[in-house]
Amino acid sequence: MNLPNKLTLMRIILIPFMMFFYLADFIPHGIGKIVALVIFIVAALTDMLDGKIARKHNLITNFGKFLDPIADKILTSAVLFMIIVDGTIPAPWGVIIVTIIISREFMVSALRLIAASKGTVLAADIWGKAKTMVQMIALPICMLLAYFLTCGFDIANWFIIVLKVLSYTTLGVATLLTVISGVNYIVKNKDCFKEN
């Protein structure tokens, strides 16, 4: 249980706290959503840190390889579900986006398992990294939008419109990159499906 793995575990432990505060409508002025946003940012930073530390100090383990991508998927999925449940991303777009993103993750994970059974490790490519980066930009913007929609303060309409445009645009780009990276991943590694 080295430092990178502890950081990954911490990321998973933070997720229920993030969800609790985000959904805690009893906290006045939507402060819970701001707390949830801070927790998300801390969790996202642990994702950056654990990889850097593991590579720099040669602390890469099979446990870390297994747990790190799972922690990332749980974190992003939790936020996606929260922003569609509370209507921050209006129906039916939120459901469509979540379905596309989670379907891609299942397909890529399944492909990695098939490759691993044949002794091959499939590394993330540029499209996958771009998808993750845009997601990590889009999700906190959406959480910030959710706060301003529920805080009860008198917020200028133009500011809400700007936040909505930013939220919908970045999430749309993340979804497009999700599709591109998923298709690219399968096409590049189609040999994994060949039987001996």
N, C-alpha and C. Protein backbone atom coordinates (compact mmCIF):
# COMPACT_ATOMS: atom_id res chain seq x y z
N MET A 1 0.86 -1.19 0.00
CA MET A 1 0.00 0.00 0.00
C MET A 1 0.89 1.24 0.00
N ASN A 2 1.41 1.60 -1.18
CA ASN A 2 2.30 2.75 -1.29
C ASN A 2 1.49 4.05 -1.41
N LEU A 3 2.19 5.19 -1.50
CA LEU A 3 1.53 6.49 -1.52
C LEU A 3 0.57 6.66 -2.69
N PRO A 4 0.96 6.33 -3.93
CA PRO A 4 0.00 6.47 -5.04
C PRO A 4 -1.28 5.68 -4.81
N ASN A 5 -1.16 4.47 -4.30
CA ASN A 5 -2.35 3.65 -4.05
C ASN A 5 -3.21 4.23 -2.92
N LYS A 6 -2.55 4.83 -1.93
CA LYS A 6 -3.30 5.49 -0.85
C LYS A 6 -4.08 6.68 -1.39
N LEU A 7 -3.45 7.43 -2.33
CA LEU A 7 -4.13 8.57 -2.94
C LEU A 7 -5.33 8.10 -3.77
N THR A 8 -5.17 6.99 -4.47
CA THR A 8 -6.28 6.44 -5.25
C THR A 8 -7.42 6.01 -4.34
N LEU A 9 -7.08 5.35 -3.24
CA LEU A 9 -8.11 4.95 -2.27
C LEU A 9 -8.80 6.17 -1.67
N MET A 10 -8.03 7.22 -1.40
CA MET A 10 -8.59 8.44 -0.86
C MET A 10 -9.61 9.03 -1.83
N ARG A 11 -9.31 8.95 -3.13
CA ARG A 11 -10.22 9.46 -4.15
C ARG A 11 -11.57 8.73 -4.09
N ILE A 12 -11.51 7.42 -3.91
CA ILE A 12 -12.74 6.63 -3.81
C ILE A 12 -13.51 6.99 -2.53
N ILE A 13 -12.78 7.15 -1.43
CA ILE A 13 -13.42 7.47 -0.15
C ILE A 13 -14.09 8.85 -0.20
N LEU A 14 -13.53 9.78 -0.97
CA LEU A 14 -14.09 11.13 -1.06
C LEU A 14 -15.41 11.17 -1.84
N ILE A 15 -15.64 10.19 -2.70
CA ILE A 15 -16.81 10.23 -3.59
C ILE A 15 -18.15 10.28 -2.84
N PRO A 16 -18.40 9.39 -1.85
CA PRO A 16 -19.68 9.49 -1.13
C PRO A 16 -19.85 10.81 -0.40
N PHE A 17 -18.77 11.39 0.11
CA PHE A 17 -18.86 12.70 0.77
C PHE A 17 -19.25 13.77 -0.25
N MET A 18 -18.65 13.70 -1.43
CA MET A 18 -18.99 14.64 -2.50
C MET A 18 -20.47 14.54 -2.85
N MET A 19 -20.96 13.31 -2.98
CA MET A 19 -22.36 13.10 -3.35
C MET A 19 -23.30 13.59 -2.24
N PHE A 20 -22.92 13.33 -1.00
CA PHE A 20 -23.75 13.77 0.13
C PHE A 20 -23.92 15.29 0.10
N PHE A 21 -22.82 16.02 0.02
CA PHE A 21 -22.90 17.48 0.06
C PHE A 21 -23.60 18.04 -1.17
N TYR A 22 -23.37 17.43 -2.33
CA TYR A 22 -24.02 17.93 -3.55
C TYR A 22 -25.53 17.81 -3.45
N LEU A 23 -25.99 16.69 -2.90
CA LEU A 23 -27.43 16.42 -2.84
C LEU A 23 -28.09 16.94 -1.56
N ALA A 24 -27.28 17.54 -0.67
CA ALA A 24 -27.81 18.01 0.63
C ALA A 24 -28.51 19.36 0.45
N ASP A 25 -29.75 19.30 -0.03
CA ASP A 25 -30.51 20.53 -0.29
C ASP A 25 -30.89 21.26 0.99
N PHE A 26 -30.78 20.58 2.14
CA PHE A 26 -31.12 21.22 3.41
C PHE A 26 -30.05 22.23 3.85
N ILE A 27 -28.86 22.19 3.23
CA ILE A 27 -27.83 23.18 3.56
C ILE A 27 -28.17 24.48 2.86
N PRO A 28 -28.27 25.59 3.60
CA PRO A 28 -28.75 26.85 3.01
C PRO A 28 -27.88 27.35 1.85
N HIS A 29 -28.56 28.04 0.92
CA HIS A 29 -27.91 28.75 -0.19
C HIS A 29 -27.03 27.85 -1.08
N GLY A 30 -27.33 26.57 -1.11
CA GLY A 30 -26.60 25.67 -1.99
C GLY A 30 -25.13 25.50 -1.65
N ILE A 31 -24.76 25.82 -0.40
CA ILE A 31 -23.35 25.73 0.01
C ILE A 31 -22.82 24.30 -0.14
N GLY A 32 -23.72 23.33 0.03
CA GLY A 32 -23.32 21.94 -0.11
C GLY A 32 -22.71 21.65 -1.48
N LYS A 33 -23.25 22.32 -2.51
CA LYS A 33 -22.73 22.10 -3.87
C LYS A 33 -21.32 22.68 -4.02
N ILE A 34 -21.05 23.77 -3.33
CA ILE A 34 -19.69 24.34 -3.36
C ILE A 34 -18.71 23.39 -2.64
N VAL A 35 -19.15 22.84 -1.50
CA VAL A 35 -18.31 21.88 -0.77
C VAL A 35 -18.04 20.66 -1.67
N ALA A 36 -19.09 20.19 -2.36
CA ALA A 36 -18.95 19.05 -3.28
C ALA A 36 -17.98 19.38 -4.40
N LEU A 37 -18.04 20.60 -4.91
CA LEU A 37 -17.13 21.03 -5.98
C LEU A 37 -15.68 21.01 -5.50
N VAL A 38 -15.45 21.50 -4.29
CA VAL A 38 -14.09 21.49 -3.71
C VAL A 38 -13.60 20.05 -3.55
N ILE A 39 -14.47 19.18 -3.07
CA ILE A 39 -14.10 17.76 -2.90
C ILE A 39 -13.75 17.16 -4.26
N PHE A 40 -14.54 17.48 -5.29
CA PHE A 40 -14.26 16.96 -6.64
C PHE A 40 -12.89 17.42 -7.12
N ILE A 41 -12.58 18.69 -6.91
CA ILE A 41 -11.28 19.23 -7.36
C ILE A 41 -10.14 18.53 -6.62
N VAL A 42 -10.30 18.32 -5.30
CA VAL A 42 -9.27 17.61 -4.53
C VAL A 42 -9.11 16.19 -5.06
N ALA A 43 -10.23 15.51 -5.33
CA ALA A 43 -10.18 14.14 -5.85
C ALA A 43 -9.50 14.10 -7.22
N ALA A 44 -9.82 15.07 -8.08
CA ALA A 44 -9.20 15.13 -9.41
C ALA A 44 -7.70 15.38 -9.29
N LEU A 45 -7.28 16.19 -8.32
CA LEU A 45 -5.85 16.45 -8.11
C LEU A 45 -5.12 15.19 -7.64
N THR A 46 -5.79 14.36 -6.83
CA THR A 46 -5.16 13.11 -6.39
C THR A 46 -4.94 12.19 -7.60
N ASP A 47 -5.82 12.30 -8.59
CA ASP A 47 -5.67 11.50 -9.81
C ASP A 47 -4.40 11.89 -10.56
N MET A 48 -4.13 13.20 -10.61
CA MET A 48 -2.90 13.67 -11.26
C MET A 48 -1.67 13.26 -10.45
N LEU A 49 -1.78 13.42 -9.13
CA LEU A 49 -0.63 13.17 -8.25
C LEU A 49 -0.23 11.71 -8.21
N ASP A 50 -1.21 10.81 -8.09
CA ASP A 50 -0.84 9.40 -7.89
C ASP A 50 -0.07 8.85 -9.09
N GLY A 51 -0.48 9.25 -10.30
CA GLY A 51 0.23 8.79 -11.50
C GLY A 51 1.65 9.33 -11.57
N LYS A 52 1.79 10.62 -11.28
CA LYS A 52 3.13 11.24 -11.33
C LYS A 52 4.07 10.62 -10.31
N ILE A 53 3.57 10.44 -9.09
CA ILE A 53 4.40 9.87 -8.03
C ILE A 53 4.78 8.44 -8.36
N ALA A 54 3.81 7.68 -8.87
CA ALA A 54 4.07 6.26 -9.21
C ALA A 54 5.15 6.14 -10.28
N ARG A 55 5.07 6.99 -11.31
CA ARG A 55 6.06 6.93 -12.39
C ARG A 55 7.42 7.44 -11.94
N LYS A 56 7.43 8.54 -11.19
CA LYS A 56 8.69 9.16 -10.79
C LYS A 56 9.49 8.26 -9.85
N HIS A 57 8.79 7.59 -8.92
CA HIS A 57 9.49 6.79 -7.90
C HIS A 57 9.36 5.28 -8.16
N ASN A 58 8.94 4.94 -9.37
CA ASN A 58 8.81 3.52 -9.76
C ASN A 58 7.96 2.74 -8.76
N LEU A 59 6.78 3.29 -8.47
CA LEU A 59 5.87 2.67 -7.50
C LEU A 59 4.63 2.09 -8.19
N ILE A 60 4.77 1.77 -9.47
CA ILE A 60 3.64 1.23 -10.22
C ILE A 60 3.39 -0.22 -9.79
N THR A 61 2.15 -0.51 -9.38
CA THR A 61 1.79 -1.86 -8.93
C THR A 61 0.56 -2.35 -9.70
N ASN A 62 0.34 -3.65 -9.70
CA ASN A 62 -0.85 -4.21 -10.35
C ASN A 62 -2.12 -3.71 -9.67
N PHE A 63 -2.04 -3.56 -8.34
CA PHE A 63 -3.18 -3.03 -7.59
C PHE A 63 -3.52 -1.62 -8.06
N GLY A 64 -2.49 -0.81 -8.25
CA GLY A 64 -2.70 0.56 -8.73
C GLY A 64 -3.26 0.60 -10.14
N LYS A 65 -2.73 -0.28 -11.02
CA LYS A 65 -3.23 -0.36 -12.39
C LYS A 65 -4.70 -0.74 -12.43
N PHE A 66 -5.10 -1.59 -11.48
CA PHE A 66 -6.48 -2.04 -11.40
C PHE A 66 -7.38 -0.95 -10.82
N LEU A 67 -6.92 -0.34 -9.71
CA LEU A 67 -7.79 0.56 -8.94
C LEU A 67 -7.90 1.96 -9.54
N ASP A 68 -6.81 2.48 -10.10
CA ASP A 68 -6.80 3.87 -10.57
C ASP A 68 -7.88 4.15 -11.62
N PRO A 69 -7.98 3.37 -12.70
CA PRO A 69 -9.02 3.65 -13.68
C PRO A 69 -10.43 3.47 -13.13
N ILE A 70 -10.59 2.52 -12.18
CA ILE A 70 -11.91 2.32 -11.57
C ILE A 70 -12.30 3.55 -10.75
N ALA A 71 -11.34 4.08 -9.99
CA ALA A 71 -11.60 5.29 -9.18
C ALA A 71 -12.01 6.45 -10.08
N ASP A 72 -11.31 6.61 -11.21
CA ASP A 72 -11.64 7.69 -12.15
C ASP A 72 -13.06 7.55 -12.68
N LYS A 73 -13.42 6.32 -13.07
CA LYS A 73 -14.75 6.07 -13.65
C LYS A 73 -15.85 6.31 -12.63
N ILE A 74 -15.61 5.89 -11.37
CA ILE A 74 -16.63 6.10 -10.32
C ILE A 74 -16.80 7.60 -10.07
N LEU A 75 -15.69 8.33 -10.02
CA LEU A 75 -15.73 9.77 -9.75
C LEU A 75 -16.52 10.50 -10.83
N THR A 76 -16.15 10.29 -12.09
CA THR A 76 -16.83 11.00 -13.19
C THR A 76 -18.28 10.55 -13.33
N SER A 77 -18.54 9.25 -13.14
CA SER A 77 -19.92 8.74 -13.25
C SER A 77 -20.79 9.36 -12.17
N ALA A 78 -20.26 9.47 -10.96
CA ALA A 78 -21.03 10.04 -9.84
C ALA A 78 -21.45 11.47 -10.16
N VAL A 79 -20.52 12.27 -10.67
CA VAL A 79 -20.85 13.66 -11.01
C VAL A 79 -21.86 13.72 -12.15
N LEU A 80 -21.66 12.89 -13.16
CA LEU A 80 -22.60 12.86 -14.29
C LEU A 80 -24.02 12.52 -13.83
N PHE A 81 -24.13 11.51 -12.97
CA PHE A 81 -25.45 11.15 -12.46
C PHE A 81 -26.07 12.29 -11.65
N MET A 82 -25.25 12.96 -10.84
CA MET A 82 -25.77 14.05 -10.00
C MET A 82 -26.30 15.21 -10.83
N ILE A 83 -25.58 15.57 -11.90
CA ILE A 83 -26.01 16.74 -12.68
C ILE A 83 -27.19 16.43 -13.60
N ILE A 84 -27.51 15.15 -13.80
CA ILE A 84 -28.75 14.86 -14.54
C ILE A 84 -29.91 14.67 -13.58
N VAL A 85 -29.64 14.14 -12.38
CA VAL A 85 -30.70 13.94 -11.39
C VAL A 85 -31.31 15.27 -10.97
N ASP A 86 -30.45 16.29 -10.78
CA ASP A 86 -30.98 17.58 -10.32
C ASP A 86 -31.39 18.51 -11.46
N GLY A 87 -31.27 18.03 -12.72
CA GLY A 87 -31.74 18.82 -13.86
C GLY A 87 -30.79 19.88 -14.35
N THR A 88 -29.54 19.88 -13.85
CA THR A 88 -28.56 20.85 -14.34
C THR A 88 -28.35 20.68 -15.84
N ILE A 89 -28.25 19.43 -16.28
CA ILE A 89 -28.26 19.12 -17.70
C ILE A 89 -29.66 18.59 -18.01
N PRO A 90 -30.44 19.35 -18.77
CA PRO A 90 -31.86 19.00 -18.96
C PRO A 90 -32.06 17.70 -19.74
N ALA A 91 -33.19 17.06 -19.46
CA ALA A 91 -33.58 15.85 -20.19
C ALA A 91 -33.95 16.23 -21.62
N PRO A 92 -33.73 15.33 -22.60
CA PRO A 92 -33.14 14.00 -22.44
C PRO A 92 -31.63 13.99 -22.60
N TRP A 93 -31.04 15.19 -22.78
CA TRP A 93 -29.61 15.26 -23.13
C TRP A 93 -28.71 14.66 -22.08
N GLY A 94 -29.04 14.91 -20.81
CA GLY A 94 -28.21 14.37 -19.74
C GLY A 94 -28.14 12.86 -19.76
N VAL A 95 -29.31 12.22 -19.96
CA VAL A 95 -29.37 10.75 -19.99
C VAL A 95 -28.58 10.22 -21.19
N ILE A 96 -28.72 10.88 -22.35
CA ILE A 96 -28.00 10.46 -23.56
C ILE A 96 -26.49 10.55 -23.34
N ILE A 97 -26.05 11.69 -22.78
CA ILE A 97 -24.62 11.91 -22.56
C ILE A 97 -24.05 10.86 -21.59
N VAL A 98 -24.75 10.64 -20.48
CA VAL A 98 -24.29 9.66 -19.49
C VAL A 98 -24.22 8.26 -20.10
N THR A 99 -25.23 7.90 -20.88
CA THR A 99 -25.26 6.58 -21.52
C THR A 99 -24.07 6.40 -22.45
N ILE A 100 -23.78 7.43 -23.26
CA ILE A 100 -22.66 7.36 -24.20
C ILE A 100 -21.33 7.20 -23.45
N ILE A 101 -21.13 8.06 -22.44
CA ILE A 101 -19.85 8.06 -21.72
C ILE A 101 -19.64 6.75 -20.96
N ILE A 102 -20.68 6.27 -20.26
CA ILE A 102 -20.52 5.04 -19.48
C ILE A 102 -20.40 3.83 -20.40
N SER A 103 -21.12 3.83 -21.52
CA SER A 103 -21.01 2.72 -22.48
C SER A 103 -19.59 2.61 -23.01
N ARG A 104 -18.98 3.75 -23.31
CA ARG A 104 -17.60 3.76 -23.80
C ARG A 104 -16.67 3.17 -22.77
N GLU A 105 -16.87 3.54 -21.49
CA GLU A 105 -15.98 3.05 -20.44
C GLU A 105 -16.11 1.53 -20.29
N PHE A 106 -17.34 1.01 -20.39
CA PHE A 106 -17.54 -0.44 -20.31
C PHE A 106 -16.85 -1.15 -21.47
N MET A 107 -17.00 -0.59 -22.68
CA MET A 107 -16.42 -1.22 -23.86
C MET A 107 -14.89 -1.24 -23.79
N VAL A 108 -14.30 -0.11 -23.41
CA VAL A 108 -12.85 -0.03 -23.32
C VAL A 108 -12.32 -0.94 -22.21
N SER A 109 -13.03 -0.98 -21.08
CA SER A 109 -12.62 -1.86 -19.98
C SER A 109 -12.67 -3.32 -20.41
N ALA A 110 -13.73 -3.68 -21.15
CA ALA A 110 -13.86 -5.06 -21.64
C ALA A 110 -12.72 -5.39 -22.61
N LEU A 111 -12.39 -4.42 -23.48
CA LEU A 111 -11.31 -4.63 -24.44
C LEU A 111 -9.98 -4.81 -23.72
N ARG A 112 -9.76 -4.03 -22.67
CA ARG A 112 -8.52 -4.16 -21.89
C ARG A 112 -8.44 -5.53 -21.22
N LEU A 113 -9.57 -6.04 -20.75
CA LEU A 113 -9.59 -7.37 -20.13
C LEU A 113 -9.25 -8.45 -21.15
N ILE A 114 -9.81 -8.33 -22.36
CA ILE A 114 -9.51 -9.30 -23.42
C ILE A 114 -8.02 -9.24 -23.76
N ALA A 115 -7.49 -8.01 -23.90
CA ALA A 115 -6.07 -7.85 -24.21
C ALA A 115 -5.19 -8.41 -23.10
N ALA A 116 -5.58 -8.15 -21.86
CA ALA A 116 -4.80 -8.63 -20.71
C ALA A 116 -4.77 -10.15 -20.68
N SER A 117 -5.87 -10.78 -21.07
CA SER A 117 -5.92 -12.25 -21.08
C SER A 117 -4.96 -12.83 -22.12
N LYS A 118 -4.57 -11.98 -23.09
CA LYS A 118 -3.62 -12.41 -24.12
C LYS A 118 -2.21 -11.86 -23.85
N GLY A 119 -2.04 -11.27 -22.67
CA GLY A 119 -0.72 -10.79 -22.27
C GLY A 119 -0.35 -9.43 -22.84
N THR A 120 -1.38 -8.66 -23.28
CA THR A 120 -1.13 -7.35 -23.87
C THR A 120 -1.70 -6.26 -22.96
N VAL A 121 -0.92 -5.19 -22.76
CA VAL A 121 -1.41 -4.05 -21.99
C VAL A 121 -1.75 -2.93 -22.96
N LEU A 122 -2.99 -2.45 -22.89
CA LEU A 122 -3.42 -1.38 -23.79
C LEU A 122 -3.32 -0.04 -23.06
N ALA A 123 -2.44 0.81 -23.54
CA ALA A 123 -2.24 2.12 -22.91
C ALA A 123 -3.25 3.12 -23.47
N ALA A 124 -3.54 4.15 -22.68
CA ALA A 124 -4.43 5.21 -23.14
C ALA A 124 -3.76 5.99 -24.27
N ASP A 125 -4.55 6.36 -25.28
CA ASP A 125 -3.99 7.13 -26.40
C ASP A 125 -4.32 8.61 -26.24
N ILE A 126 -3.94 9.39 -27.23
CA ILE A 126 -4.13 10.85 -27.17
C ILE A 126 -5.60 11.23 -27.08
N TRP A 127 -6.46 10.45 -27.77
CA TRP A 127 -7.89 10.75 -27.75
C TRP A 127 -8.48 10.50 -26.37
N GLY A 128 -8.06 9.40 -25.75
CA GLY A 128 -8.54 9.09 -24.41
C GLY A 128 -8.10 10.13 -23.40
N LYS A 129 -6.86 10.58 -23.54
CA LYS A 129 -6.34 11.61 -22.62
C LYS A 129 -7.07 12.94 -22.83
N ALA A 130 -7.35 13.27 -24.09
CA ALA A 130 -8.09 14.51 -24.40
C ALA A 130 -9.50 14.44 -23.82
N LYS A 131 -10.13 13.27 -23.96
CA LYS A 131 -11.47 13.07 -23.41
C LYS A 131 -11.49 13.29 -21.91
N THR A 132 -10.51 12.70 -21.23
CA THR A 132 -10.43 12.84 -19.77
C THR A 132 -10.19 14.29 -19.36
N MET A 133 -9.30 14.98 -20.08
CA MET A 133 -8.99 16.37 -19.75
C MET A 133 -10.22 17.26 -19.90
N VAL A 134 -10.95 17.10 -21.01
CA VAL A 134 -12.14 17.93 -21.24
C VAL A 134 -13.23 17.59 -20.22
N GLN A 135 -13.36 16.32 -19.88
CA GLN A 135 -14.32 15.93 -18.84
C GLN A 135 -14.01 16.62 -17.52
N MET A 136 -12.73 16.64 -17.17
CA MET A 136 -12.32 17.24 -15.90
C MET A 136 -12.49 18.76 -15.90
N ILE A 137 -12.64 19.35 -17.08
CA ILE A 137 -12.97 20.78 -17.17
C ILE A 137 -14.48 20.97 -17.13
N ALA A 138 -15.21 20.10 -17.87
CA ALA A 138 -16.66 20.23 -18.00
C ALA A 138 -17.40 19.99 -16.69
N LEU A 139 -17.00 18.95 -15.96
CA LEU A 139 -17.77 18.56 -14.78
C LEU A 139 -17.78 19.62 -13.67
N PRO A 140 -16.61 20.23 -13.32
CA PRO A 140 -16.70 21.29 -12.30
C PRO A 140 -17.48 22.51 -12.76
N ILE A 141 -17.46 22.81 -14.07
CA ILE A 141 -18.26 23.93 -14.58
C ILE A 141 -19.74 23.62 -14.40
N CYS A 142 -20.13 22.37 -14.69
CA CYS A 142 -21.52 21.95 -14.50
C CYS A 142 -21.92 22.01 -13.02
N MET A 143 -21.00 21.63 -12.14
CA MET A 143 -21.29 21.70 -10.70
C MET A 143 -21.44 23.15 -10.24
N LEU A 144 -20.63 24.03 -10.83
CA LEU A 144 -20.74 25.46 -10.51
C LEU A 144 -22.07 26.02 -11.00
N LEU A 145 -22.50 25.60 -12.18
CA LEU A 145 -23.80 26.00 -12.72
C LEU A 145 -24.91 25.54 -11.77
N ALA A 146 -24.81 24.29 -11.30
CA ALA A 146 -25.83 23.75 -10.38
C ALA A 146 -25.92 24.61 -9.12
N TYR A 147 -24.77 25.08 -8.64
CA TYR A 147 -24.78 25.94 -7.45
C TYR A 147 -25.53 27.24 -7.71
N PHE A 148 -25.20 27.92 -8.80
CA PHE A 148 -25.82 29.22 -9.07
C PHE A 148 -27.31 29.09 -9.41
N LEU A 149 -27.73 27.92 -9.87
CA LEU A 149 -29.15 27.70 -10.16
C LEU A 149 -29.96 27.46 -8.89
N THR A 150 -29.28 27.09 -7.80
CA THR A 150 -30.00 26.73 -6.57
C THR A 150 -29.64 27.58 -5.36
N CYS A 151 -28.70 28.50 -5.51
CA CYS A 151 -28.20 29.23 -4.33
C CYS A 151 -29.21 30.22 -3.75
N GLY A 152 -30.18 30.63 -4.57
CA GLY A 152 -31.19 31.56 -4.07
C GLY A 152 -30.77 33.01 -4.10
N PHE A 153 -29.57 33.31 -4.55
CA PHE A 153 -29.12 34.69 -4.66
C PHE A 153 -29.58 35.28 -6.00
N ASP A 154 -29.58 36.58 -6.08
CA ASP A 154 -29.99 37.26 -7.30
C ASP A 154 -28.79 37.30 -8.26
N ILE A 155 -28.76 36.35 -9.17
CA ILE A 155 -27.63 36.22 -10.10
C ILE A 155 -28.05 36.78 -11.46
N ALA A 156 -27.17 37.57 -12.06
CA ALA A 156 -27.46 38.17 -13.37
C ALA A 156 -27.74 37.08 -14.41
N ASN A 157 -28.76 37.30 -15.23
CA ASN A 157 -29.14 36.32 -16.26
C ASN A 157 -28.00 36.03 -17.23
N TRP A 158 -27.24 37.08 -17.59
CA TRP A 158 -26.17 36.89 -18.56
C TRP A 158 -25.11 35.92 -18.02
N PHE A 159 -24.89 35.98 -16.68
CA PHE A 159 -23.89 35.10 -16.07
C PHE A 159 -24.35 33.64 -16.13
N ILE A 160 -25.63 33.42 -15.83
CA ILE A 160 -26.19 32.06 -15.91
C ILE A 160 -26.12 31.53 -17.33
N ILE A 161 -26.44 32.40 -18.30
CA ILE A 161 -26.39 32.00 -19.71
C ILE A 161 -24.98 31.60 -20.11
N VAL A 162 -23.99 32.41 -19.69
CA VAL A 162 -22.59 32.10 -20.01
C VAL A 162 -22.19 30.76 -19.40
N LEU A 163 -22.59 30.52 -18.14
CA LEU A 163 -22.26 29.25 -17.48
C LEU A 163 -22.93 28.07 -18.18
N LYS A 164 -24.17 28.28 -18.62
CA LYS A 164 -24.89 27.21 -19.33
C LYS A 164 -24.20 26.88 -20.65
N VAL A 165 -23.83 27.94 -21.39
CA VAL A 165 -23.14 27.72 -22.67
C VAL A 165 -21.83 26.98 -22.45
N LEU A 166 -21.06 27.40 -21.42
CA LEU A 166 -19.79 26.73 -21.11
C LEU A 166 -20.01 25.27 -20.71
N SER A 167 -21.02 25.05 -19.85
CA SER A 167 -21.32 23.69 -19.37
C SER A 167 -21.71 22.79 -20.53
N TYR A 168 -22.69 23.23 -21.32
CA TYR A 168 -23.21 22.39 -22.40
C TYR A 168 -22.15 22.17 -23.49
N THR A 169 -21.37 23.22 -23.76
CA THR A 169 -20.35 23.10 -24.82
C THR A 169 -19.24 22.14 -24.41
N THR A 170 -18.69 22.34 -23.22
CA THR A 170 -17.59 21.46 -22.78
C THR A 170 -18.05 20.03 -22.61
N LEU A 171 -19.28 19.84 -22.09
CA LEU A 171 -19.80 18.49 -21.93
C LEU A 171 -20.07 17.84 -23.30
N GLY A 172 -20.54 18.67 -24.25
CA GLY A 172 -20.75 18.17 -25.61
C GLY A 172 -19.44 17.74 -26.26
N VAL A 173 -18.40 18.57 -26.09
CA VAL A 173 -17.08 18.23 -26.65
C VAL A 173 -16.54 16.96 -25.98
N ALA A 174 -16.72 16.85 -24.66
CA ALA A 174 -16.27 15.65 -23.94
C ALA A 174 -16.99 14.40 -24.47
N THR A 175 -18.28 14.54 -24.76
CA THR A 175 -19.06 13.41 -25.29
C THR A 175 -18.58 13.03 -26.69
N LEU A 176 -18.32 14.04 -27.52
CA LEU A 176 -17.80 13.77 -28.87
C LEU A 176 -16.45 13.07 -28.80
N LEU A 177 -15.56 13.55 -27.92
CA LEU A 177 -14.25 12.91 -27.75
C LEU A 177 -14.39 11.50 -27.18
N THR A 178 -15.42 11.29 -26.37
CA THR A 178 -15.70 9.95 -25.84
C THR A 178 -15.98 8.98 -26.97
N VAL A 179 -16.83 9.41 -27.90
CA VAL A 179 -17.19 8.56 -29.05
C VAL A 179 -15.95 8.31 -29.92
N ILE A 180 -15.23 9.39 -30.25
CA ILE A 180 -14.04 9.27 -31.11
C ILE A 180 -13.00 8.35 -30.48
N SER A 181 -12.72 8.57 -29.17
CA SER A 181 -11.69 7.77 -28.51
C SER A 181 -12.12 6.31 -28.40
N GLY A 182 -13.41 6.08 -28.16
CA GLY A 182 -13.91 4.71 -28.06
C GLY A 182 -13.78 3.96 -29.37
N VAL A 183 -14.22 4.61 -30.47
CA VAL A 183 -14.12 3.99 -31.80
C VAL A 183 -12.66 3.77 -32.16
N ASN A 184 -11.82 4.78 -31.91
CA ASN A 184 -10.39 4.69 -32.23
C ASN A 184 -9.73 3.55 -31.45
N TYR A 185 -10.09 3.42 -30.18
CA TYR A 185 -9.54 2.37 -29.32
C TYR A 185 -9.86 0.98 -29.87
N ILE A 186 -11.11 0.80 -30.28
CA ILE A 186 -11.54 -0.51 -30.79
C ILE A 186 -10.89 -0.81 -32.14
N VAL A 187 -10.86 0.20 -33.03
CA VAL A 187 -10.28 0.00 -34.37
C VAL A 187 -8.79 -0.32 -34.26
N LYS A 188 -8.07 0.44 -33.40
CA LYS A 188 -6.62 0.23 -33.24
C LYS A 188 -6.29 -1.13 -32.65
N ASN A 189 -7.20 -1.65 -31.84
CA ASN A 189 -6.91 -2.89 -31.12
C ASN A 189 -7.83 -4.03 -31.54
N LYS A 190 -8.31 -3.97 -32.78
CA LYS A 190 -9.26 -4.99 -33.26
C LYS A 190 -8.65 -6.39 -33.29
N ASP A 191 -7.32 -6.45 -33.33
CA ASP A 191 -6.66 -7.77 -33.34
C ASP A 191 -6.92 -8.55 -32.04
N CYS A 192 -7.31 -7.82 -30.99
CA CYS A 192 -7.59 -8.50 -29.72
C CYS A 192 -8.76 -9.46 -29.85
N PHE A 193 -9.64 -9.19 -30.84
CA PHE A 193 -10.82 -10.03 -30.99
C PHE A 193 -10.54 -11.30 -31.80
N LYS A 194 -9.36 -11.37 -32.40
CA LYS A 194 -9.03 -12.55 -33.21
C LYS A 194 -8.75 -13.75 -32.31
N GLU A 195 -9.30 -14.88 -32.71
CA GLU A 195 -9.07 -16.11 -31.96
C GLU A 195 -7.76 -16.75 -32.45
N ASN A 196 -7.12 -17.49 -31.55
CA ASN A 196 -5.88 -18.20 -31.92
C ASN A 196 -6.20 -19.34 -32.88
